Amino acid sequence: MIEAELKARVRNPEYVMGQLERMTNGRAEVYQDTYYDDRSGSLDAQDQELRVRTIHGPTSTRSVLTYKGCRIDSESGSKPEHETRVDNPEAVHALLQALGYVQAIAFQKRCRNYEFSSRGRNLLATLVQVPEIDGTFLEVETMVREQHELSSALDDVRSAMVELGIHVDDFTTELYTDAVAARRGTN
């Protein structure tokens, strides 16, 4: 599967949240993300990601293991993605470390997620705040099976974001991992 995703800085978070809340109820969650790499940093150097995410919601906690391949679209940063739920995140952290992976970076994201349909696609819109980064971001994504579907999916995602009040010059491909590392002075 390919994650067709766009991200933007949000100038007016209250307005965008209001637009989303009119369409569907949001779900507040806190993500604890831990990214892994080998000691030489080859995953990062090859534009790949290996992440364990624990999601704390109001009534439950769940974890997922995610691998993202190299970007297949430079404008959006969209990547092939493989993800699976894990019942025991501590065991996955231990397993990755036993295989020689080291923690590259870990940080928290405060999210409000909205699932809705637009233009015949199931979309997930997420308002994101990372305590170590200034501002609010909006991510909107959908999944496609084949690379030839990506352009059309991204057009639909972009249109949905513009309808939510995002300006074309607010789109960004900056990675949270890079921004957090720069803020910590570890980049």
N, C-alpha and C. Protein backbone atom coordinates (compact mmCIF):
# COMPACT_ATOMS: atom_id res chain seq x y z
N MET A 1 0.85 -1.18 0.00
CA MET A 1 0.00 0.00 0.00
C MET A 1 0.90 1.25 0.00
N ILE A 2 0.35 2.31 -0.55
CA ILE A 2 1.06 3.59 -0.60
C ILE A 2 0.22 4.62 0.15
N GLU A 3 0.87 5.31 1.06
CA GLU A 3 0.22 6.37 1.81
C GLU A 3 0.29 7.65 0.99
N ALA A 4 -0.84 8.09 0.47
CA ALA A 4 -0.93 9.36 -0.26
C ALA A 4 -1.27 10.43 0.77
N GLU A 5 -0.25 11.18 1.16
CA GLU A 5 -0.41 12.12 2.28
C GLU A 5 0.18 13.48 1.94
N LEU A 6 -0.52 14.51 2.38
CA LEU A 6 0.00 15.87 2.32
C LEU A 6 -0.04 16.46 3.71
N LYS A 7 0.91 17.34 3.97
CA LYS A 7 1.01 18.00 5.28
C LYS A 7 1.14 19.49 5.05
N ALA A 8 0.54 20.27 5.96
CA ALA A 8 0.62 21.73 5.86
C ALA A 8 0.69 22.33 7.25
N ARG A 9 1.31 23.48 7.32
CA ARG A 9 1.24 24.29 8.54
C ARG A 9 -0.12 24.97 8.54
N VAL A 10 -0.75 25.05 9.70
CA VAL A 10 -2.10 25.60 9.79
C VAL A 10 -2.03 27.01 10.37
N ARG A 11 -2.52 27.98 9.62
CA ARG A 11 -2.52 29.38 10.06
C ARG A 11 -3.61 29.63 11.09
N ASN A 12 -4.76 28.98 10.93
CA ASN A 12 -5.90 29.22 11.81
C ASN A 12 -6.44 27.87 12.29
N PRO A 13 -5.79 27.27 13.31
CA PRO A 13 -6.21 25.94 13.77
C PRO A 13 -7.67 25.86 14.21
N GLU A 14 -8.18 26.91 14.85
CA GLU A 14 -9.56 26.89 15.32
C GLU A 14 -10.53 26.79 14.15
N TYR A 15 -10.26 27.52 13.09
CA TYR A 15 -11.12 27.47 11.90
C TYR A 15 -11.10 26.08 11.29
N VAL A 16 -9.90 25.53 11.08
CA VAL A 16 -9.78 24.20 10.46
C VAL A 16 -10.46 23.14 11.34
N MET A 17 -10.25 23.23 12.66
CA MET A 17 -10.89 22.27 13.56
C MET A 17 -12.41 22.40 13.47
N GLY A 18 -12.91 23.62 13.41
CA GLY A 18 -14.35 23.83 13.28
C GLY A 18 -14.90 23.21 12.00
N GLN A 19 -14.18 23.38 10.90
CA GLN A 19 -14.60 22.79 9.63
C GLN A 19 -14.66 21.26 9.74
N LEU A 20 -13.63 20.68 10.35
CA LEU A 20 -13.60 19.23 10.51
C LEU A 20 -14.69 18.73 11.45
N GLU A 21 -14.90 19.45 12.54
CA GLU A 21 -15.92 19.05 13.52
C GLU A 21 -17.32 19.10 12.92
N ARG A 22 -17.55 19.98 11.93
CA ARG A 22 -18.85 20.02 11.27
C ARG A 22 -19.08 18.75 10.43
N MET A 23 -18.00 18.13 9.97
CA MET A 23 -18.12 16.93 9.14
C MET A 23 -18.21 15.65 9.96
N THR A 24 -17.46 15.58 11.06
CA THR A 24 -17.40 14.37 11.87
C THR A 24 -16.79 14.70 13.22
N ASN A 25 -17.00 13.82 14.18
CA ASN A 25 -16.41 14.03 15.51
C ASN A 25 -14.93 13.66 15.49
N GLY A 26 -14.13 14.52 16.10
CA GLY A 26 -12.70 14.26 16.20
C GLY A 26 -12.39 13.32 17.36
N ARG A 27 -11.23 12.70 17.26
CA ARG A 27 -10.76 11.75 18.28
C ARG A 27 -9.38 12.23 18.76
N ALA A 28 -9.31 12.66 20.02
CA ALA A 28 -8.05 13.14 20.58
C ALA A 28 -7.18 11.94 20.97
N GLU A 29 -5.94 11.96 20.52
CA GLU A 29 -4.99 10.88 20.83
C GLU A 29 -3.60 11.47 20.99
N VAL A 30 -2.79 10.80 21.77
CA VAL A 30 -1.39 11.17 21.93
C VAL A 30 -0.55 10.02 21.39
N TYR A 31 0.32 10.33 20.42
CA TYR A 31 1.20 9.33 19.83
C TYR A 31 2.57 9.43 20.49
N GLN A 32 3.09 8.30 20.89
CA GLN A 32 4.48 8.22 21.33
C GLN A 32 5.22 7.47 20.24
N ASP A 33 6.03 8.20 19.47
CA ASP A 33 6.73 7.62 18.33
C ASP A 33 8.19 7.37 18.66
N THR A 34 8.67 6.18 18.34
CA THR A 34 10.08 5.83 18.47
C THR A 34 10.55 5.33 17.12
N TYR A 35 11.53 6.03 16.55
CA TYR A 35 12.10 5.66 15.26
C TYR A 35 13.41 4.91 15.49
N TYR A 36 13.61 3.87 14.69
CA TYR A 36 14.81 3.05 14.79
C TYR A 36 15.61 3.13 13.50
N ASP A 37 16.91 2.89 13.65
CA ASP A 37 17.81 2.80 12.50
C ASP A 37 18.94 1.87 12.90
N ASP A 38 19.76 1.46 11.94
CA ASP A 38 20.94 0.70 12.32
C ASP A 38 22.01 1.70 12.78
N ARG A 39 23.08 1.20 13.31
CA ARG A 39 24.10 2.09 13.89
C ARG A 39 24.73 3.03 12.86
N SER A 40 24.73 2.63 11.60
CA SER A 40 25.33 3.47 10.56
C SER A 40 24.35 4.51 10.01
N GLY A 41 23.07 4.41 10.39
CA GLY A 41 22.06 5.35 9.90
C GLY A 41 21.62 5.07 8.47
N SER A 42 21.75 3.83 8.03
CA SER A 42 21.46 3.52 6.62
C SER A 42 19.99 3.64 6.27
N LEU A 43 19.08 3.37 7.20
CA LEU A 43 17.66 3.55 6.87
C LEU A 43 17.37 5.01 6.54
N ASP A 44 17.81 5.91 7.39
CA ASP A 44 17.61 7.34 7.16
C ASP A 44 18.30 7.77 5.87
N ALA A 45 19.52 7.30 5.65
CA ALA A 45 20.26 7.67 4.44
C ALA A 45 19.56 7.20 3.18
N GLN A 46 18.79 6.12 3.29
CA GLN A 46 18.06 5.58 2.14
C GLN A 46 16.60 6.04 2.13
N ASP A 47 16.25 7.02 2.98
CA ASP A 47 14.91 7.60 3.03
C ASP A 47 13.85 6.58 3.46
N GLN A 48 14.23 5.69 4.37
CA GLN A 48 13.32 4.68 4.90
C GLN A 48 13.07 4.97 6.37
N GLU A 49 11.93 4.47 6.88
CA GLU A 49 11.58 4.69 8.28
C GLU A 49 11.14 3.38 8.91
N LEU A 50 11.55 3.18 10.16
CA LEU A 50 11.12 2.04 10.96
C LEU A 50 10.67 2.62 12.30
N ARG A 51 9.37 2.44 12.61
CA ARG A 51 8.81 3.15 13.76
C ARG A 51 7.92 2.23 14.59
N VAL A 52 8.00 2.43 15.91
CA VAL A 52 7.02 1.85 16.82
C VAL A 52 6.22 3.03 17.37
N ARG A 53 4.89 2.95 17.20
CA ARG A 53 4.02 4.03 17.67
C ARG A 53 3.04 3.45 18.68
N THR A 54 2.97 4.09 19.84
CA THR A 54 1.95 3.74 20.83
C THR A 54 0.97 4.91 20.88
N ILE A 55 -0.31 4.59 20.70
CA ILE A 55 -1.36 5.59 20.58
C ILE A 55 -2.23 5.52 21.84
N HIS A 56 -2.22 6.61 22.58
CA HIS A 56 -3.01 6.69 23.81
C HIS A 56 -4.27 7.50 23.50
N GLY A 57 -5.43 6.81 23.55
CA GLY A 57 -6.71 7.46 23.34
C GLY A 57 -7.43 7.64 24.66
N PRO A 58 -8.62 8.21 24.63
CA PRO A 58 -9.35 8.46 25.87
C PRO A 58 -9.77 7.18 26.59
N THR A 59 -9.96 6.11 25.84
CA THR A 59 -10.44 4.87 26.48
C THR A 59 -9.58 3.65 26.19
N SER A 60 -8.53 3.80 25.37
CA SER A 60 -7.71 2.64 25.04
C SER A 60 -6.31 3.07 24.61
N THR A 61 -5.42 2.09 24.60
CA THR A 61 -4.06 2.28 24.11
C THR A 61 -3.77 1.15 23.13
N ARG A 62 -3.16 1.50 21.99
CA ARG A 62 -2.79 0.49 21.01
C ARG A 62 -1.43 0.86 20.44
N SER A 63 -0.76 -0.13 19.85
CA SER A 63 0.56 0.11 19.28
C SER A 63 0.65 -0.50 17.89
N VAL A 64 1.47 0.12 17.04
CA VAL A 64 1.69 -0.37 15.69
C VAL A 64 3.17 -0.29 15.35
N LEU A 65 3.61 -1.23 14.53
CA LEU A 65 4.95 -1.24 13.96
C LEU A 65 4.81 -0.85 12.50
N THR A 66 5.59 0.13 12.07
CA THR A 66 5.46 0.66 10.71
C THR A 66 6.81 0.71 10.03
N TYR A 67 6.83 0.27 8.77
CA TYR A 67 7.99 0.46 7.91
C TYR A 67 7.52 1.28 6.72
N LYS A 68 8.25 2.35 6.41
CA LYS A 68 7.97 3.17 5.24
C LYS A 68 9.19 3.12 4.33
N GLY A 69 8.93 2.81 3.05
CA GLY A 69 10.00 2.78 2.07
C GLY A 69 10.36 4.17 1.58
N CYS A 70 11.18 4.22 0.55
CA CYS A 70 11.64 5.50 -0.02
C CYS A 70 10.48 6.26 -0.64
N ARG A 71 10.59 7.59 -0.61
CA ARG A 71 9.57 8.45 -1.23
C ARG A 71 9.44 8.09 -2.71
N ILE A 72 8.19 8.05 -3.14
CA ILE A 72 7.94 7.82 -4.56
C ILE A 72 7.35 9.07 -5.21
N ASP A 73 7.16 10.11 -4.39
CA ASP A 73 6.68 11.39 -4.89
C ASP A 73 7.36 12.48 -4.08
N SER A 74 8.25 13.23 -4.71
CA SER A 74 9.03 14.22 -3.97
C SER A 74 8.20 15.40 -3.52
N GLU A 75 7.15 15.76 -4.27
CA GLU A 75 6.33 16.91 -3.92
C GLU A 75 5.56 16.68 -2.62
N SER A 76 5.07 15.47 -2.43
CA SER A 76 4.27 15.17 -1.24
C SER A 76 5.06 14.42 -0.16
N GLY A 77 6.09 13.70 -0.56
CA GLY A 77 6.81 12.85 0.37
C GLY A 77 6.12 11.51 0.58
N SER A 78 5.11 11.17 -0.25
CA SER A 78 4.37 9.91 -0.11
C SER A 78 5.30 8.72 -0.28
N LYS A 79 5.03 7.69 0.54
CA LYS A 79 5.88 6.51 0.59
C LYS A 79 5.04 5.24 0.65
N PRO A 80 5.59 4.12 0.14
CA PRO A 80 4.96 2.83 0.43
C PRO A 80 5.01 2.60 1.94
N GLU A 81 3.94 2.04 2.48
CA GLU A 81 3.86 1.86 3.93
C GLU A 81 3.34 0.46 4.25
N HIS A 82 3.99 -0.17 5.22
CA HIS A 82 3.55 -1.46 5.73
C HIS A 82 3.42 -1.32 7.23
N GLU A 83 2.25 -1.62 7.75
CA GLU A 83 1.99 -1.40 9.17
C GLU A 83 1.21 -2.57 9.73
N THR A 84 1.53 -2.92 10.99
CA THR A 84 0.79 -3.97 11.66
C THR A 84 0.64 -3.62 13.13
N ARG A 85 -0.48 -4.02 13.67
CA ARG A 85 -0.73 -3.80 15.10
C ARG A 85 0.13 -4.76 15.90
N VAL A 86 0.62 -4.28 17.04
CA VAL A 86 1.41 -5.14 17.93
C VAL A 86 0.77 -5.15 19.31
N ASP A 87 0.68 -6.32 19.88
CA ASP A 87 0.07 -6.46 21.20
C ASP A 87 1.03 -6.12 22.34
N ASN A 88 2.34 -6.26 22.07
CA ASN A 88 3.33 -6.07 23.12
C ASN A 88 4.44 -5.16 22.60
N PRO A 89 4.26 -3.84 22.70
CA PRO A 89 5.27 -2.94 22.15
C PRO A 89 6.64 -3.08 22.83
N GLU A 90 6.65 -3.40 24.12
CA GLU A 90 7.94 -3.58 24.80
C GLU A 90 8.74 -4.71 24.16
N ALA A 91 8.04 -5.79 23.78
CA ALA A 91 8.72 -6.90 23.12
C ALA A 91 9.24 -6.48 21.75
N VAL A 92 8.49 -5.65 21.03
CA VAL A 92 8.94 -5.19 19.72
C VAL A 92 10.17 -4.29 19.86
N HIS A 93 10.16 -3.39 20.85
CA HIS A 93 11.35 -2.56 21.09
C HIS A 93 12.56 -3.47 21.38
N ALA A 94 12.38 -4.47 22.24
CA ALA A 94 13.48 -5.39 22.59
C ALA A 94 13.93 -6.18 21.37
N LEU A 95 12.99 -6.63 20.56
CA LEU A 95 13.31 -7.39 19.36
C LEU A 95 14.14 -6.55 18.39
N LEU A 96 13.70 -5.31 18.14
CA LEU A 96 14.44 -4.45 17.22
C LEU A 96 15.86 -4.19 17.73
N GLN A 97 16.00 -3.96 19.04
CA GLN A 97 17.32 -3.73 19.60
C GLN A 97 18.19 -4.99 19.51
N ALA A 98 17.59 -6.16 19.72
CA ALA A 98 18.33 -7.42 19.62
C ALA A 98 18.80 -7.67 18.18
N LEU A 99 18.06 -7.14 17.21
CA LEU A 99 18.44 -7.27 15.81
C LEU A 99 19.49 -6.22 15.39
N GLY A 100 19.89 -5.37 16.31
CA GLY A 100 20.94 -4.39 16.03
C GLY A 100 20.45 -2.99 15.73
N TYR A 101 19.15 -2.77 15.80
CA TYR A 101 18.63 -1.42 15.58
C TYR A 101 18.77 -0.61 16.87
N VAL A 102 18.97 0.69 16.70
CA VAL A 102 19.08 1.60 17.84
C VAL A 102 18.02 2.68 17.70
N GLN A 103 17.64 3.23 18.82
CA GLN A 103 16.67 4.32 18.79
C GLN A 103 17.32 5.54 18.15
N ALA A 104 16.73 6.00 17.05
CA ALA A 104 17.25 7.18 16.36
C ALA A 104 16.68 8.45 16.99
N ILE A 105 15.38 8.43 17.27
CA ILE A 105 14.72 9.57 17.89
C ILE A 105 13.36 9.12 18.40
N ALA A 106 12.92 9.73 19.47
CA ALA A 106 11.59 9.47 20.02
C ALA A 106 10.98 10.80 20.42
N PHE A 107 9.69 10.95 20.18
CA PHE A 107 9.00 12.17 20.55
C PHE A 107 7.50 11.92 20.60
N GLN A 108 6.78 12.91 21.10
CA GLN A 108 5.34 12.83 21.27
C GLN A 108 4.63 13.74 20.27
N LYS A 109 3.49 13.26 19.77
CA LYS A 109 2.62 14.07 18.91
C LYS A 109 1.25 14.10 19.57
N ARG A 110 0.67 15.28 19.69
CA ARG A 110 -0.70 15.42 20.19
C ARG A 110 -1.60 15.60 18.97
N CYS A 111 -2.51 14.66 18.79
CA CYS A 111 -3.29 14.60 17.56
C CYS A 111 -4.79 14.64 17.82
N ARG A 112 -5.49 15.16 16.84
CA ARG A 112 -6.95 15.07 16.80
C ARG A 112 -7.28 14.54 15.41
N ASN A 113 -7.83 13.33 15.37
CA ASN A 113 -8.06 12.61 14.12
C ASN A 113 -9.52 12.68 13.69
N TYR A 114 -9.70 12.82 12.39
CA TYR A 114 -11.03 12.90 11.79
C TYR A 114 -11.07 11.95 10.58
N GLU A 115 -11.99 11.02 10.58
CA GLU A 115 -12.16 10.12 9.45
C GLU A 115 -13.43 10.52 8.71
N PHE A 116 -13.31 10.71 7.39
CA PHE A 116 -14.45 11.10 6.58
C PHE A 116 -14.20 10.69 5.13
N SER A 117 -15.22 10.81 4.32
CA SER A 117 -15.11 10.50 2.89
C SER A 117 -15.24 11.78 2.09
N SER A 118 -14.46 11.86 1.02
CA SER A 118 -14.51 12.99 0.11
C SER A 118 -14.06 12.50 -1.26
N ARG A 119 -14.83 12.86 -2.27
CA ARG A 119 -14.50 12.48 -3.65
C ARG A 119 -14.37 10.95 -3.80
N GLY A 120 -15.18 10.22 -3.05
CA GLY A 120 -15.17 8.77 -3.14
C GLY A 120 -14.02 8.09 -2.42
N ARG A 121 -13.27 8.85 -1.63
CA ARG A 121 -12.12 8.28 -0.91
C ARG A 121 -12.33 8.39 0.59
N ASN A 122 -11.85 7.39 1.31
CA ASN A 122 -11.80 7.47 2.76
C ASN A 122 -10.55 8.25 3.13
N LEU A 123 -10.73 9.33 3.88
CA LEU A 123 -9.62 10.20 4.26
C LEU A 123 -9.47 10.21 5.77
N LEU A 124 -8.25 10.38 6.21
CA LEU A 124 -7.94 10.62 7.61
C LEU A 124 -7.25 11.97 7.68
N ALA A 125 -7.88 12.90 8.39
CA ALA A 125 -7.29 14.22 8.62
C ALA A 125 -6.84 14.27 10.07
N THR A 126 -5.62 14.72 10.28
CA THR A 126 -5.07 14.78 11.63
C THR A 126 -4.50 16.16 11.89
N LEU A 127 -5.03 16.83 12.91
CA LEU A 127 -4.43 18.07 13.40
C LEU A 127 -3.34 17.66 14.39
N VAL A 128 -2.14 18.15 14.19
CA VAL A 128 -0.97 17.69 14.94
C VAL A 128 -0.27 18.85 15.62
N GLN A 129 0.07 18.63 16.88
CA GLN A 129 0.99 19.52 17.59
C GLN A 129 2.08 18.64 18.18
N VAL A 130 3.31 19.04 17.93
CA VAL A 130 4.48 18.38 18.51
C VAL A 130 5.04 19.36 19.52
N PRO A 131 5.05 19.00 20.81
CA PRO A 131 5.46 19.97 21.84
C PRO A 131 6.80 20.66 21.56
N GLU A 132 7.69 20.01 20.84
CA GLU A 132 9.01 20.59 20.58
C GLU A 132 9.07 21.45 19.32
N ILE A 133 7.96 21.54 18.59
CA ILE A 133 7.92 22.31 17.35
C ILE A 133 6.82 23.35 17.46
N ASP A 134 7.09 24.56 17.03
CA ASP A 134 6.08 25.61 17.06
C ASP A 134 5.00 25.34 16.01
N GLY A 135 3.76 25.64 16.37
CA GLY A 135 2.67 25.60 15.41
C GLY A 135 1.85 24.33 15.41
N THR A 136 0.84 24.36 14.55
CA THR A 136 -0.07 23.24 14.34
C THR A 136 0.03 22.83 12.89
N PHE A 137 -0.05 21.52 12.66
CA PHE A 137 0.02 20.97 11.32
C PHE A 137 -1.27 20.22 11.02
N LEU A 138 -1.58 20.11 9.74
CA LEU A 138 -2.68 19.27 9.28
C LEU A 138 -2.10 18.26 8.31
N GLU A 139 -2.35 16.99 8.60
CA GLU A 139 -2.00 15.91 7.68
C GLU A 139 -3.32 15.33 7.17
N VAL A 140 -3.40 15.11 5.87
CA VAL A 140 -4.55 14.41 5.31
C VAL A 140 -3.99 13.30 4.44
N GLU A 141 -4.55 12.09 4.64
CA GLU A 141 -4.03 10.94 3.91
C GLU A 141 -5.14 10.01 3.48
N THR A 142 -4.82 9.23 2.46
CA THR A 142 -5.62 8.10 2.02
C THR A 142 -4.64 7.05 1.52
N MET A 143 -5.08 5.84 1.42
CA MET A 143 -4.20 4.77 0.96
C MET A 143 -4.59 4.36 -0.46
N VAL A 144 -3.57 4.08 -1.28
CA VAL A 144 -3.79 3.55 -2.63
C VAL A 144 -2.95 2.30 -2.79
N ARG A 145 -3.38 1.44 -3.70
CA ARG A 145 -2.67 0.17 -3.90
C ARG A 145 -1.50 0.29 -4.88
N GLU A 146 -1.66 1.11 -5.89
CA GLU A 146 -0.67 1.17 -6.97
C GLU A 146 -0.15 2.59 -7.16
N GLN A 147 1.09 2.69 -7.60
CA GLN A 147 1.72 4.00 -7.78
C GLN A 147 0.97 4.86 -8.81
N HIS A 148 0.39 4.25 -9.83
CA HIS A 148 -0.32 5.04 -10.85
C HIS A 148 -1.57 5.71 -10.29
N GLU A 149 -2.05 5.29 -9.11
CA GLU A 149 -3.21 5.91 -8.46
C GLU A 149 -2.82 7.12 -7.61
N LEU A 150 -1.54 7.29 -7.35
CA LEU A 150 -1.07 8.28 -6.39
C LEU A 150 -1.41 9.71 -6.79
N SER A 151 -1.17 10.08 -8.02
CA SER A 151 -1.40 11.47 -8.45
C SER A 151 -2.85 11.89 -8.25
N SER A 152 -3.78 11.04 -8.65
CA SER A 152 -5.20 11.33 -8.49
C SER A 152 -5.57 11.43 -7.01
N ALA A 153 -5.04 10.52 -6.20
CA ALA A 153 -5.32 10.54 -4.76
C ALA A 153 -4.79 11.82 -4.13
N LEU A 154 -3.59 12.22 -4.51
CA LEU A 154 -3.01 13.45 -3.95
C LEU A 154 -3.82 14.68 -4.38
N ASP A 155 -4.33 14.68 -5.60
CA ASP A 155 -5.20 15.79 -6.04
C ASP A 155 -6.44 15.87 -5.16
N ASP A 156 -7.02 14.72 -4.83
CA ASP A 156 -8.21 14.69 -3.97
C ASP A 156 -7.88 15.15 -2.55
N VAL A 157 -6.73 14.72 -2.04
CA VAL A 157 -6.30 15.13 -0.70
C VAL A 157 -6.07 16.64 -0.68
N ARG A 158 -5.38 17.15 -1.68
CA ARG A 158 -5.09 18.59 -1.77
C ARG A 158 -6.39 19.40 -1.82
N SER A 159 -7.35 18.96 -2.61
CA SER A 159 -8.64 19.66 -2.71
C SER A 159 -9.35 19.69 -1.37
N ALA A 160 -9.34 18.56 -0.66
CA ALA A 160 -9.98 18.51 0.66
C ALA A 160 -9.31 19.49 1.62
N MET A 161 -7.99 19.59 1.55
CA MET A 161 -7.27 20.49 2.45
C MET A 161 -7.57 21.95 2.13
N VAL A 162 -7.63 22.28 0.85
CA VAL A 162 -7.96 23.65 0.46
C VAL A 162 -9.37 24.00 0.94
N GLU A 163 -10.30 23.05 0.82
CA GLU A 163 -11.66 23.29 1.31
C GLU A 163 -11.70 23.50 2.82
N LEU A 164 -10.72 22.96 3.54
CA LEU A 164 -10.65 23.12 4.99
C LEU A 164 -9.98 24.44 5.39
N GLY A 165 -9.49 25.20 4.40
CA GLY A 165 -8.88 26.50 4.69
C GLY A 165 -7.37 26.53 4.60
N ILE A 166 -6.76 25.49 4.05
CA ILE A 166 -5.31 25.47 3.89
C ILE A 166 -4.93 26.23 2.62
N HIS A 167 -3.94 27.08 2.71
CA HIS A 167 -3.45 27.85 1.57
C HIS A 167 -2.36 27.06 0.87
N VAL A 168 -2.26 27.24 -0.42
CA VAL A 168 -1.31 26.46 -1.21
C VAL A 168 0.14 26.65 -0.74
N ASP A 169 0.48 27.81 -0.22
CA ASP A 169 1.85 28.05 0.23
C ASP A 169 2.10 27.52 1.65
N ASP A 170 1.12 26.90 2.27
CA ASP A 170 1.29 26.33 3.61
C ASP A 170 1.70 24.86 3.59
N PHE A 171 1.67 24.23 2.41
CA PHE A 171 2.06 22.82 2.31
C PHE A 171 3.55 22.67 2.59
N THR A 172 3.92 21.56 3.24
CA THR A 172 5.31 21.31 3.58
C THR A 172 5.62 19.82 3.50
N THR A 173 6.86 19.51 3.22
CA THR A 173 7.32 18.11 3.28
C THR A 173 8.31 17.93 4.43
N GLU A 174 8.45 18.95 5.26
CA GLU A 174 9.35 18.84 6.42
C GLU A 174 8.91 17.68 7.30
N LEU A 175 9.88 16.90 7.74
CA LEU A 175 9.60 15.75 8.60
C LEU A 175 9.66 16.17 10.07
N TYR A 176 8.75 15.64 10.87
CA TYR A 176 8.78 15.92 12.31
C TYR A 176 10.10 15.44 12.91
N THR A 177 10.59 14.30 12.44
CA THR A 177 11.85 13.77 12.98
C THR A 177 12.98 14.78 12.78
N ASP A 178 13.05 15.38 11.58
CA ASP A 178 14.11 16.36 11.31
C ASP A 178 13.91 17.61 12.15
N ALA A 179 12.67 18.08 12.28
CA ALA A 179 12.40 19.29 13.06
C ALA A 179 12.72 19.10 14.53
N VAL A 180 12.35 17.94 15.07
CA VAL A 180 12.63 17.65 16.49
C VAL A 180 14.15 17.53 16.69
N ALA A 181 14.83 16.82 15.79
CA ALA A 181 16.28 16.67 15.90
C ALA A 181 16.97 18.03 15.84
N ALA A 182 16.51 18.91 14.93
CA ALA A 182 17.10 20.25 14.82
C ALA A 182 16.86 21.03 16.11
N ARG A 183 15.66 20.93 16.68
CA ARG A 183 15.35 21.65 17.91
C ARG A 183 16.24 21.16 19.06
N ARG A 184 16.49 19.85 19.08
CA ARG A 184 17.34 19.28 20.13
C ARG A 184 18.82 19.48 19.87
N GLY A 185 19.15 19.93 18.65
CA GLY A 185 20.55 20.10 18.31
C GLY A 185 21.26 18.79 18.02
N THR A 186 20.47 17.76 17.62
CA THR A 186 21.07 16.45 17.37
C THR A 186 21.08 16.12 15.89
N ASN A 187 20.75 17.08 15.06
CA ASN A 187 20.67 16.84 13.62
C ASN A 187 22.02 16.96 12.96
